[in-house]
Amino acid sequence: MKDIDTLSGKKFIRRKDLTPLVRLEIAYKALMAITYGLWGTITELSKEHAVSRTFIYSLSSVLLESGTNIFSGVISKLNPNIKKTLMSYILALRLEGRCSIQSISCLLKRFECKNTSEGYISQVLKKIGSILPSTLKNEDKYLQFVIFASDEIFSKGKPILVTVDPISSAILRIELVEKRTAEAWKHHWNCIEDDGYIALYLVCDGGKALDKAHKDLLSDVLKQPDTYHAVAHILGIHDKRLEQAAYKAIEKEYKLNEIIGANITEELLN
């Protein structure tokens, strides 16, 4: 399907059987299903035409937007102010409420908002994410000296490198990478410095990639070990040792109970 994604601008290989008329039919059926809450229709369309549910939601969104522009609100009563408010609700629930897309959809329906489908919410979040830069821009004409607090989080098994300024809580850079290597961290910090933020010192855990990147790129910057990780690693060693000892004791007790539960003689019991 060689279609331009209305949110990210990416192109896909076009399927000849999905003609404009077929796409319009899919979009119409999907839009009606979303509007009237017809459960299962999106899945049926997905199976019938061998396309993803995201693709179907994308078509319905395009039809809704086009119809709104053509018919001046006959299909949708969402004016720009209402749409802006809806987006603020979605962002607040996602970022501050830490809600899943399914939970956001449920809550918006409870508030009787328009466009509450999971596909629409997902598209809004992707669109906003694609617009926001990965690195914070320094609006000042002078360089700013900040603290680099760097760590990684994970999304579906893939690492996301994050560096924040712990004083202002500003996210200096956030990016999804394939692997958390020293090269990835060096590129990460270079991008921050290119945008006008220079490290006073670095706060991070004792990860091998972070340690190597620090020695290669920021060796002149003092590295402060992350207290939480330092303590957690020590406690983790003790926790693992005690857990292994506990399992060994449980296994020994289990075997003894098996022996006692058998046809035991008085001599064996003693």
C-alpha atoms as a PDB file:
ATOM      1  CA  MET A   1       0.000   0.000   0.000  1.00  0.00           C
ATOM      2  CA  LYS A   2       1.857   3.066  -1.195  1.00  0.00           C
ATOM      3  CA  ASP A   3      -0.034   5.598   0.837  1.00  0.00           C
ATOM      4  CA  ILE A   4       1.211   8.701   2.587  1.00  0.00           C
ATOM      5  CA  ASP A   5       0.644   8.341   6.321  1.00  0.00           C
ATOM      6  CA  THR A   6      -1.172  11.557   7.250  1.00  0.00           C
ATOM      7  CA  LEU A   7       0.732  11.704  10.516  1.00  0.00           C
ATOM      8  CA  SER A   8       4.309  10.693   9.821  1.00  0.00           C
ATOM      9  CA  GLY A   9       4.598  11.106   6.048  1.00  0.00           C
ATOM     10  CA  LYS A  10       5.904   7.577   5.536  1.00  0.00           C
ATOM     11  CA  LYS A  11       5.106   5.717   2.315  1.00  0.00           C
ATOM     12  CA  PHE A  12       4.086   2.110   1.850  1.00  0.00           C
ATOM     13  CA  ILE A  13       3.842  -0.184  -1.185  1.00  0.00           C
ATOM     14  CA  ARG A  14       0.474   0.192  -2.880  1.00  0.00           C
ATOM     15  CA  ARG A  15      -1.711  -2.872  -3.365  1.00  0.00           C
ATOM     16  CA  LYS A  16      -3.488  -2.864  -6.712  1.00  0.00           C
ATOM     17  CA  ASP A  17      -6.626  -4.490  -5.293  1.00  0.00           C
ATOM     18  CA  LEU A  18      -7.114  -1.628  -2.833  1.00  0.00           C
ATOM     19  CA  THR A  19      -8.442   0.890  -5.328  1.00  0.00           C
ATOM     20  CA  PRO A  20      -9.585   4.358  -4.217  1.00  0.00           C
ATOM     21  CA  LEU A  21     -13.210   3.148  -4.339  1.00  0.00           C
ATOM     22  CA  VAL A  22     -12.414   0.129  -2.144  1.00  0.00           C
ATOM     23  CA  ARG A  23     -10.572   2.373   0.310  1.00  0.00           C
ATOM     24  CA  LEU A  24     -13.521   4.733   0.423  1.00  0.00           C
ATOM     25  CA  GLU A  25     -15.849   1.815   1.169  1.00  0.00           C
ATOM     26  CA  ILE A  26     -13.571   0.564   3.949  1.00  0.00           C
ATOM     27  CA  ALA A  27     -13.282   4.071   5.415  1.00  0.00           C
ATOM     28  CA  TYR A  28     -17.067   4.579   5.311  1.00  0.00           C
ATOM     29  CA  LYS A  29     -17.862   1.256   6.997  1.00  0.00           C
ATOM     30  CA  ALA A  30     -15.188   1.871   9.637  1.00  0.00           C
ATOM     31  CA  LEU A  31     -16.410   5.395  10.319  1.00  0.00           C
ATOM     32  CA  MET A  32     -19.976   4.212  10.744  1.00  0.00           C
ATOM     33  CA  ALA A  33     -18.815   1.439  13.078  1.00  0.00           C
ATOM     34  CA  ILE A  34     -16.853   3.927  15.199  1.00  0.00           C
ATOM     35  CA  THR A  35     -19.715   6.438  15.232  1.00  0.00           C
ATOM     36  CA  TYR A  36     -22.406   3.934  16.253  1.00  0.00           C
ATOM     37  CA  GLY A  37     -20.224   1.669  18.379  1.00  0.00           C
ATOM     38  CA  LEU A  38     -20.549  -1.438  16.194  1.00  0.00           C
ATOM     39  CA  TRP A  39     -18.159  -3.880  17.816  1.00  0.00           C
ATOM     40  CA  GLY A  40     -16.213  -6.279  15.603  1.00  0.00           C
ATOM     41  CA  THR A  41     -16.645  -4.357  12.337  1.00  0.00           C
ATOM     42  CA  ILE A  42     -13.033  -3.118  12.238  1.00  0.00           C
ATOM     43  CA  THR A  43     -11.729  -6.637  12.828  1.00  0.00           C
ATOM     44  CA  GLU A  44     -13.998  -8.047  10.109  1.00  0.00           C
ATOM     45  CA  LEU A  45     -12.814  -5.415   7.624  1.00  0.00           C
ATOM     46  CA  SER A  46      -9.216  -6.155   8.576  1.00  0.00           C
ATOM     47  CA  LYS A  47      -9.656  -9.865   7.856  1.00  0.00           C
ATOM     48  CA  GLU A  48     -11.723  -9.326   4.699  1.00  0.00           C
ATOM     49  CA  HIS A  49      -9.175  -7.044   3.036  1.00  0.00           C
ATOM     50  CA  ALA A  50      -6.020  -8.448   4.708  1.00  0.00           C
ATOM     51  CA  VAL A  51      -4.978  -5.085   6.129  1.00  0.00           C
ATOM     52  CA  SER A  52      -4.092  -3.916   9.616  1.00  0.00           C
ATOM     53  CA  ARG A  53      -6.581  -2.305  11.981  1.00  0.00           C
ATOM     54  CA  THR A  54      -4.290   0.749  12.129  1.00  0.00           C
ATOM     55  CA  PHE A  55      -4.603   1.141   8.353  1.00  0.00           C
ATOM     56  CA  ILE A  56      -8.405   1.029   8.612  1.00  0.00           C
ATOM     57  CA  TYR A  57      -8.449   3.597  11.426  1.00  0.00           C
ATOM     58  CA  SER A  58      -6.182   5.789   9.293  1.00  0.00           C
ATOM     59  CA  LEU A  59      -8.619   5.623   6.357  1.00  0.00           C
ATOM     60  CA  SER A  60     -11.577   6.471   8.594  1.00  0.00           C
ATOM     61  CA  SER A  61      -9.669   9.394  10.077  1.00  0.00           C
ATOM     62  CA  VAL A  62      -8.877  10.772   6.605  1.00  0.00           C
ATOM     63  CA  LEU A  63     -12.533  10.417   5.561  1.00  0.00           C
ATOM     64  CA  LEU A  64     -13.712  12.129   8.751  1.00  0.00           C
ATOM     65  CA  GLU A  65     -11.285  15.015   8.307  1.00  0.00           C
ATOM     66  CA  SER A  66     -12.138  15.409   4.611  1.00  0.00           C
ATOM     67  CA  GLY A  67     -15.860  15.195   5.288  1.00  0.00           C
ATOM     68  CA  THR A  68     -15.606  17.800   8.017  1.00  0.00           C
ATOM     69  CA  ASN A  69     -13.887  20.222   5.662  1.00  0.00           C
ATOM     70  CA  ILE A  70     -16.330  19.567   2.803  1.00  0.00           C
ATOM     71  CA  PHE A  71     -19.603  19.507   4.734  1.00  0.00           C
ATOM     72  CA  SER A  72     -18.682  22.061   7.400  1.00  0.00           C
ATOM     73  CA  GLY A  73     -19.326  19.912  10.432  1.00  0.00           C
ATOM     74  CA  VAL A  74     -22.173  17.724   9.167  1.00  0.00           C
ATOM     75  CA  ILE A  75     -20.151  14.571   9.802  1.00  0.00           C
ATOM     76  CA  SER A  76     -18.236  15.872  12.813  1.00  0.00           C
ATOM     77  CA  LYS A  77     -18.977  18.754  15.154  1.00  0.00           C
ATOM     78  CA  LEU A  78     -15.357  19.003  16.292  1.00  0.00           C
ATOM     79  CA  ASN A  79     -14.242  22.606  15.874  1.00  0.00           C
ATOM     80  CA  PRO A  80     -10.582  23.570  16.422  1.00  0.00           C
ATOM     81  CA  ASN A  81     -11.153  24.606  20.050  1.00  0.00           C
ATOM     82  CA  ILE A  82     -12.875  21.326  20.935  1.00  0.00           C
ATOM     83  CA  LYS A  83     -10.167  19.372  19.099  1.00  0.00           C
ATOM     84  CA  LYS A  84      -7.481  21.251  21.048  1.00  0.00           C
ATOM     85  CA  THR A  85      -9.242  20.457  24.315  1.00  0.00           C
ATOM     86  CA  LEU A  86      -9.566  16.794  23.345  1.00  0.00           C
ATOM     87  CA  MET A  87      -5.838  16.609  22.611  1.00  0.00           C
ATOM     88  CA  SER A  88      -5.045  18.192  25.987  1.00  0.00           C
ATOM     89  CA  TYR A  89      -7.212  15.535  27.676  1.00  0.00           C
ATOM     90  CA  ILE A  90      -5.422  12.749  25.796  1.00  0.00           C
ATOM     91  CA  LEU A  91      -1.984  14.106  26.708  1.00  0.00           C
ATOM     92  CA  ALA A  92      -2.921  14.672  30.364  1.00  0.00           C
ATOM     93  CA  LEU A  93      -4.279  11.138  30.737  1.00  0.00           C
ATOM     94  CA  ARG A  94      -1.289   9.637  28.944  1.00  0.00           C
ATOM     95  CA  LEU A  95       1.561  11.617  30.531  1.00  0.00           C
ATOM     96  CA  GLU A  96       0.224  12.588  33.954  1.00  0.00           C
ATOM     97  CA  GLY A  97      -2.354   9.858  34.480  1.00  0.00           C
ATOM     98  CA  ARG A  98      -0.096   7.210  32.871  1.00  0.00           C
ATOM     99  CA  CYS A  99      -3.170   5.627  31.304  1.00  0.00           C
ATOM    100  CA  SER A 100      -3.093   3.051  28.526  1.00  0.00           C
ATOM    101  CA  ILE A 101      -4.693   3.947  25.194  1.00  0.00           C
ATOM    102  CA  GLN A 102      -7.594   1.635  26.052  1.00  0.00           C
ATOM    103  CA  SER A 103      -8.114   3.399  29.403  1.00  0.00           C
ATOM    104  CA  ILE A 104      -7.945   6.830  27.752  1.00  0.00           C
ATOM    105  CA  SER A 105     -10.632   5.755  25.284  1.00  0.00           C
ATOM    106  CA  CYS A 106     -12.831   4.500  28.123  1.00  0.00           C
ATOM    107  CA  LEU A 107     -12.466   7.719  30.141  1.00  0.00           C
ATOM    108  CA  LEU A 108     -13.117   9.989  27.142  1.00  0.00           C
ATOM    109  CA  LYS A 109     -16.305   8.055  26.392  1.00  0.00           C
ATOM    110  CA  ARG A 110     -17.362   8.523  30.007  1.00  0.00           C
ATOM    111  CA  PHE A 111     -16.810  12.280  29.589  1.00  0.00           C
ATOM    112  CA  GLU A 112     -18.949  12.085  26.395  1.00  0.00           C
ATOM    113  CA  CYS A 113     -16.124  13.372  24.182  1.00  0.00           C
ATOM    114  CA  LYS A 114     -16.038  12.979  20.412  1.00  0.00           C
ATOM    115  CA  ASN A 115     -13.518  10.778  18.581  1.00  0.00           C
ATOM    116  CA  THR A 116     -12.740   8.400  21.425  1.00  0.00           C
ATOM    117  CA  SER A 117     -11.622   5.350  19.438  1.00  0.00           C
ATOM    118  CA  GLU A 118      -8.307   3.724  20.335  1.00  0.00           C
ATOM    119  CA  GLY A 119      -7.109   4.183  16.739  1.00  0.00           C
ATOM    120  CA  TYR A 120      -7.766   7.937  16.815  1.00  0.00           C
ATOM    121  CA  ILE A 121      -6.031   8.325  20.195  1.00  0.00           C
ATOM    122  CA  SER A 122      -3.036   6.355  18.943  1.00  0.00           C
ATOM    123  CA  GLN A 123      -2.802   8.561  15.858  1.00  0.00           C
ATOM    124  CA  VAL A 124      -2.964  11.755  17.946  1.00  0.00           C
ATOM    125  CA  LEU A 125      -0.130  10.570  20.186  1.00  0.00           C
ATOM    126  CA  LYS A 126       1.988   9.509  17.182  1.00  0.00           C
ATOM    127  CA  LYS A 127       1.380  12.825  15.450  1.00  0.00           C
ATOM    128  CA  ILE A 128       2.382  14.853  18.508  1.00  0.00           C
ATOM    129  CA  GLY A 129       5.393  12.595  19.048  1.00  0.00           C
ATOM    130  CA  SER A 130       6.538  13.085  15.448  1.00  0.00           C
ATOM    131  CA  ILE A 131       6.266  16.881  15.757  1.00  0.00           C
ATOM    132  CA  LEU A 132       8.211  17.213  19.004  1.00  0.00           C
ATOM    133  CA  PRO A 133      12.016  17.307  18.607  1.00  0.00           C
ATOM    134  CA  SER A 134      14.139  14.627  20.271  1.00  0.00           C
ATOM    135  CA  THR A 135      16.496  17.240  21.709  1.00  0.00           C
ATOM    136  CA  LEU A 136      15.575  20.330  23.715  1.00  0.00           C
ATOM    137  CA  LYS A 137      16.434  23.482  21.783  1.00  0.00           C
ATOM    138  CA  ASN A 138      18.480  26.148  23.524  1.00  0.00           C
ATOM    139  CA  GLU A 139      16.658  29.395  22.782  1.00  0.00           C
ATOM    140  CA  ASP A 140      19.434  31.433  24.419  1.00  0.00           C
ATOM    141  CA  LYS A 141      22.288  32.620  22.194  1.00  0.00           C
ATOM    142  CA  TYR A 142      24.793  31.575  24.883  1.00  0.00           C
ATOM    143  CA  LEU A 143      25.805  28.071  25.877  1.00  0.00           C
ATOM    144  CA  GLN A 144      24.092  26.705  28.978  1.00  0.00           C
ATOM    145  CA  PHE A 145      25.910  24.531  31.503  1.00  0.00           C
ATOM    146  CA  VAL A 146      23.685  21.820  32.938  1.00  0.00           C
ATOM    147  CA  ILE A 147      23.916  18.474  34.706  1.00  0.00           C
ATOM    148  CA  PHE A 148      23.492  15.376  32.547  1.00  0.00           C
ATOM    149  CA  ALA A 149      21.437  12.728  34.377  1.00  0.00           C
ATOM    150  CA  SER A 150      21.408   9.838  31.919  1.00  0.00           C
ATOM    151  CA  ASP A 151      19.689   6.466  31.997  1.00  0.00           C
ATOM    152  CA  GLU A 152      17.663   4.154  29.786  1.00  0.00           C
ATOM    153  CA  ILE A 153      14.080   2.961  29.898  1.00  0.00           C
ATOM    154  CA  PHE A 154      12.566   0.211  27.787  1.00  0.00           C
ATOM    155  CA  SER A 155       9.599   0.044  25.420  1.00  0.00           C
ATOM    156  CA  LYS A 156       8.675  -3.405  24.105  1.00  0.00           C
ATOM    157  CA  GLY A 157      12.192  -4.620  24.784  1.00  0.00           C
ATOM    158  CA  LYS A 158      13.919  -1.731  22.986  1.00  0.00           C
ATOM    159  CA  PRO A 159      16.023   0.809  24.924  1.00  0.00           C
ATOM    160  CA  ILE A 160      15.136   4.496  25.067  1.00  0.00           C
ATOM    161  CA  LEU A 161      18.064   6.732  26.029  1.00  0.00           C
ATOM    162  CA  VAL A 162      17.064   9.656  28.238  1.00  0.00           C
ATOM    163  CA  THR A 163      19.099  12.564  29.600  1.00  0.00           C
ATOM    164  CA  VAL A 164      17.511  15.144  31.879  1.00  0.00           C
ATOM    165  CA  ASP A 165      18.656  18.157  33.842  1.00  0.00           C
ATOM    166  CA  PRO A 166      17.777  17.157  37.445  1.00  0.00           C
ATOM    167  CA  ILE A 167      17.566  20.785  38.588  1.00  0.00           C
ATOM    168  CA  SER A 168      14.910  21.945  36.099  1.00  0.00           C
ATOM    169  CA  SER A 169      13.572  18.427  35.288  1.00  0.00           C
ATOM    170  CA  ALA A 170      13.872  19.357  31.595  1.00  0.00           C
ATOM    171  CA  ILE A 171      14.318  16.422  29.209  1.00  0.00           C
ATOM    172  CA  LEU A 172      17.451  17.355  27.258  1.00  0.00           C
ATOM    173  CA  ARG A 173      17.155  14.444  24.831  1.00  0.00           C
ATOM    174  CA  ILE A 174      15.131  11.248  24.467  1.00  0.00           C
ATOM    175  CA  GLU A 175      15.552   8.721  21.666  1.00  0.00           C
ATOM    176  CA  LEU A 176      14.692   5.144  20.770  1.00  0.00           C
ATOM    177  CA  VAL A 177      17.735   3.061  19.777  1.00  0.00           C
ATOM    178  CA  GLU A 178      18.372  -0.531  18.734  1.00  0.00           C
ATOM    179  CA  LYS A 179      21.056  -1.165  21.365  1.00  0.00           C
ATOM    180  CA  ARG A 180      22.376   0.789  24.346  1.00  0.00           C
ATOM    181  CA  THR A 181      25.990   0.878  23.186  1.00  0.00           C
ATOM    182  CA  ALA A 182      28.749   3.359  24.001  1.00  0.00           C
ATOM    183  CA  GLU A 183      28.461   4.749  20.454  1.00  0.00           C
ATOM    184  CA  ALA A 184      24.742   5.327  20.938  1.00  0.00           C
ATOM    185  CA  TRP A 185      25.385   7.240  24.172  1.00  0.00           C
ATOM    186  CA  LYS A 186      28.157   9.330  22.586  1.00  0.00           C
ATOM    187  CA  HIS A 187      25.864  10.296  19.704  1.00  0.00           C
ATOM    188  CA  HIS A 188      23.140  11.054  22.267  1.00  0.00           C
ATOM    189  CA  TRP A 189      25.370  13.471  24.231  1.00  0.00           C
ATOM    190  CA  ASN A 190      26.833  15.040  21.091  1.00  0.00           C
ATOM    191  CA  CYS A 191      23.329  15.975  19.939  1.00  0.00           C
ATOM    192  CA  ILE A 192      22.662  17.688  23.283  1.00  0.00           C
ATOM    193  CA  GLU A 193      25.899  19.683  23.103  1.00  0.00           C
ATOM    194  CA  ASP A 194      25.210  20.613  19.472  1.00  0.00           C
ATOM    195  CA  ASP A 195      22.010  22.260  20.676  1.00  0.00           C
ATOM    196  CA  GLY A 196      23.871  24.426  23.176  1.00  0.00           C
ATOM    197  CA  TYR A 197      23.862  22.437  26.434  1.00  0.00           C
ATOM    198  CA  ILE A 198      27.232  21.579  27.984  1.00  0.00           C
ATOM    199  CA  ALA A 199      27.654  19.044  30.798  1.00  0.00           C
ATOM    200  CA  LEU A 200      28.905  20.298  34.168  1.00  0.00           C
ATOM    201  CA  TYR A 201      29.048  16.721  35.403  1.00  0.00           C
ATOM    202  CA  LEU A 202      27.389  13.411  34.647  1.00  0.00           C
ATOM    203  CA  VAL A 203      25.026  11.404  36.842  1.00  0.00           C
ATOM    204  CA  CYS A 204      24.490   7.791  35.743  1.00  0.00           C
ATOM    205  CA  ASP A 205      24.629   4.183  36.873  1.00  0.00           C
ATOM    206  CA  GLY A 206      27.578   1.858  36.471  1.00  0.00           C
ATOM    207  CA  GLY A 207      26.533   0.421  33.110  1.00  0.00           C
ATOM    208  CA  LYS A 208      29.412  -0.671  30.845  1.00  0.00           C
ATOM    209  CA  ALA A 209      28.170   1.300  27.817  1.00  0.00           C
ATOM    210  CA  LEU A 210      27.682   4.481  29.857  1.00  0.00           C
ATOM    211  CA  ASP A 211      31.077   4.074  31.503  1.00  0.00           C
ATOM    212  CA  LYS A 212      32.877   3.628  28.176  1.00  0.00           C
ATOM    213  CA  ALA A 213      31.008   6.527  26.560  1.00  0.00           C
ATOM    214  CA  HIS A 214      31.961   8.755  29.501  1.00  0.00           C
ATOM    215  CA  LYS A 215      35.662   7.840  29.167  1.00  0.00           C
ATOM    216  CA  ASP A 216      35.636   8.338  25.381  1.00  0.00           C
ATOM    217  CA  LEU A 217      33.644  11.572  25.151  1.00  0.00           C
ATOM    218  CA  LEU A 218      33.207  13.236  28.557  1.00  0.00           C
ATOM    219  CA  SER A 219      36.408  12.213  30.332  1.00  0.00           C
ATOM    220  CA  ASP A 220      36.934  15.825  31.461  1.00  0.00           C
ATOM    221  CA  VAL A 221      33.518  15.794  33.145  1.00  0.00           C
ATOM    222  CA  LEU A 222      33.192  14.398  36.668  1.00  0.00           C
ATOM    223  CA  LYS A 223      30.942  11.329  36.855  1.00  0.00           C
ATOM    224  CA  GLN A 224      28.728  10.984  39.914  1.00  0.00           C
ATOM    225  CA  PRO A 225      27.396   7.457  40.513  1.00  0.00           C
ATOM    226  CA  ASP A 226      23.638   7.184  40.691  1.00  0.00           C
ATOM    227  CA  THR A 227      22.936   6.544  44.406  1.00  0.00           C
ATOM    228  CA  TYR A 228      19.761   4.583  43.727  1.00  0.00           C
ATOM    229  CA  HIS A 229      21.462   2.201  41.310  1.00  0.00           C
ATOM    230  CA  ALA A 230      24.536   1.894  43.525  1.00  0.00           C
ATOM    231  CA  VAL A 231      22.422   0.862  46.519  1.00  0.00           C
ATOM    232  CA  ALA A 232      20.078  -1.275  44.396  1.00  0.00           C
ATOM    233  CA  HIS A 233      22.977  -3.234  42.913  1.00  0.00           C
ATOM    234  CA  ILE A 234      24.421  -4.002  46.366  1.00  0.00           C
ATOM    235  CA  LEU A 235      21.012  -4.969  47.731  1.00  0.00           C
ATOM    236  CA  GLY A 236      20.429  -7.021  44.598  1.00  0.00           C
ATOM    237  CA  ILE A 237      23.505  -9.144  45.312  1.00  0.00           C
ATOM    238  CA  HIS A 238      22.326  -9.858  48.879  1.00  0.00           C
ATOM    239  CA  ASP A 239      18.772 -10.470  47.670  1.00  0.00           C
ATOM    240  CA  LYS A 240      19.918 -13.045  45.100  1.00  0.00           C
ATOM    241  CA  ARG A 241      22.139 -14.821  47.644  1.00  0.00           C
ATOM    242  CA  LEU A 242      19.350 -15.007  50.250  1.00  0.00           C
ATOM    243  CA  GLU A 243      16.821 -16.116  47.628  1.00  0.00           C
ATOM    244  CA  GLN A 244      19.077 -19.004  46.539  1.00  0.00           C
ATOM    245  CA  ALA A 245      19.570 -20.034  50.185  1.00  0.00           C
ATOM    246  CA  ALA A 246      15.796 -19.951  50.745  1.00  0.00           C
ATOM    247  CA  TYR A 247      15.117 -22.148  47.719  1.00  0.00           C
ATOM    248  CA  LYS A 248      17.754 -24.660  48.850  1.00  0.00           C
ATOM    249  CA  ALA A 249      16.135 -24.818  52.300  1.00  0.00           C
ATOM    250  CA  ILE A 250      12.684 -25.305  50.729  1.00  0.00           C
ATOM    251  CA  GLU A 251      14.025 -28.080  48.486  1.00  0.00           C
ATOM    252  CA  LYS A 252      15.648 -29.838  51.486  1.00  0.00           C
ATOM    253  CA  GLU A 253      12.435 -29.569  53.522  1.00  0.00           C
ATOM    254  CA  TYR A 254      10.393 -30.910  50.583  1.00  0.00           C
ATOM    255  CA  LYS A 255      12.654 -33.976  50.237  1.00  0.00           C
ATOM    256  CA  LEU A 256      12.474 -34.641  53.997  1.00  0.00           C
ATOM    257  CA  ASN A 257       8.666 -34.474  53.872  1.00  0.00           C
ATOM    258  CA  GLU A 258       8.682 -36.972  50.998  1.00  0.00           C
ATOM    259  CA  ILE A 259      10.770 -39.388  53.082  1.00  0.00           C
ATOM    260  CA  ILE A 260       8.573 -38.990  56.162  1.00  0.00           C
ATOM    261  CA  GLY A 261       5.419 -39.418  54.059  1.00  0.00           C
ATOM    262  CA  ALA A 262       6.607 -42.799  52.741  1.00  0.00           C
ATOM    263  CA  ASN A 263       6.382 -46.147  54.537  1.00  0.00           C
ATOM    264  CA  ILE A 264       8.864 -45.096  57.177  1.00  0.00           C
ATOM    265  CA  THR A 265      10.454 -47.303  59.766  1.00  0.00           C
ATOM    266  CA  GLU A 266      11.200 -46.240  63.302  1.00  0.00           C
ATOM    267  CA  GLU A 267      14.938 -46.613  62.568  1.00  0.00           C
ATOM    268  CA  LEU A 268      14.757 -44.261  59.550  1.00  0.00           C
ATOM    269  CA  LEU A 269      12.666 -41.771  61.522  1.00  0.00           C
ATOM    270  CA  ASN A 270      15.326 -41.672  64.237  1.00  0.00           C
END
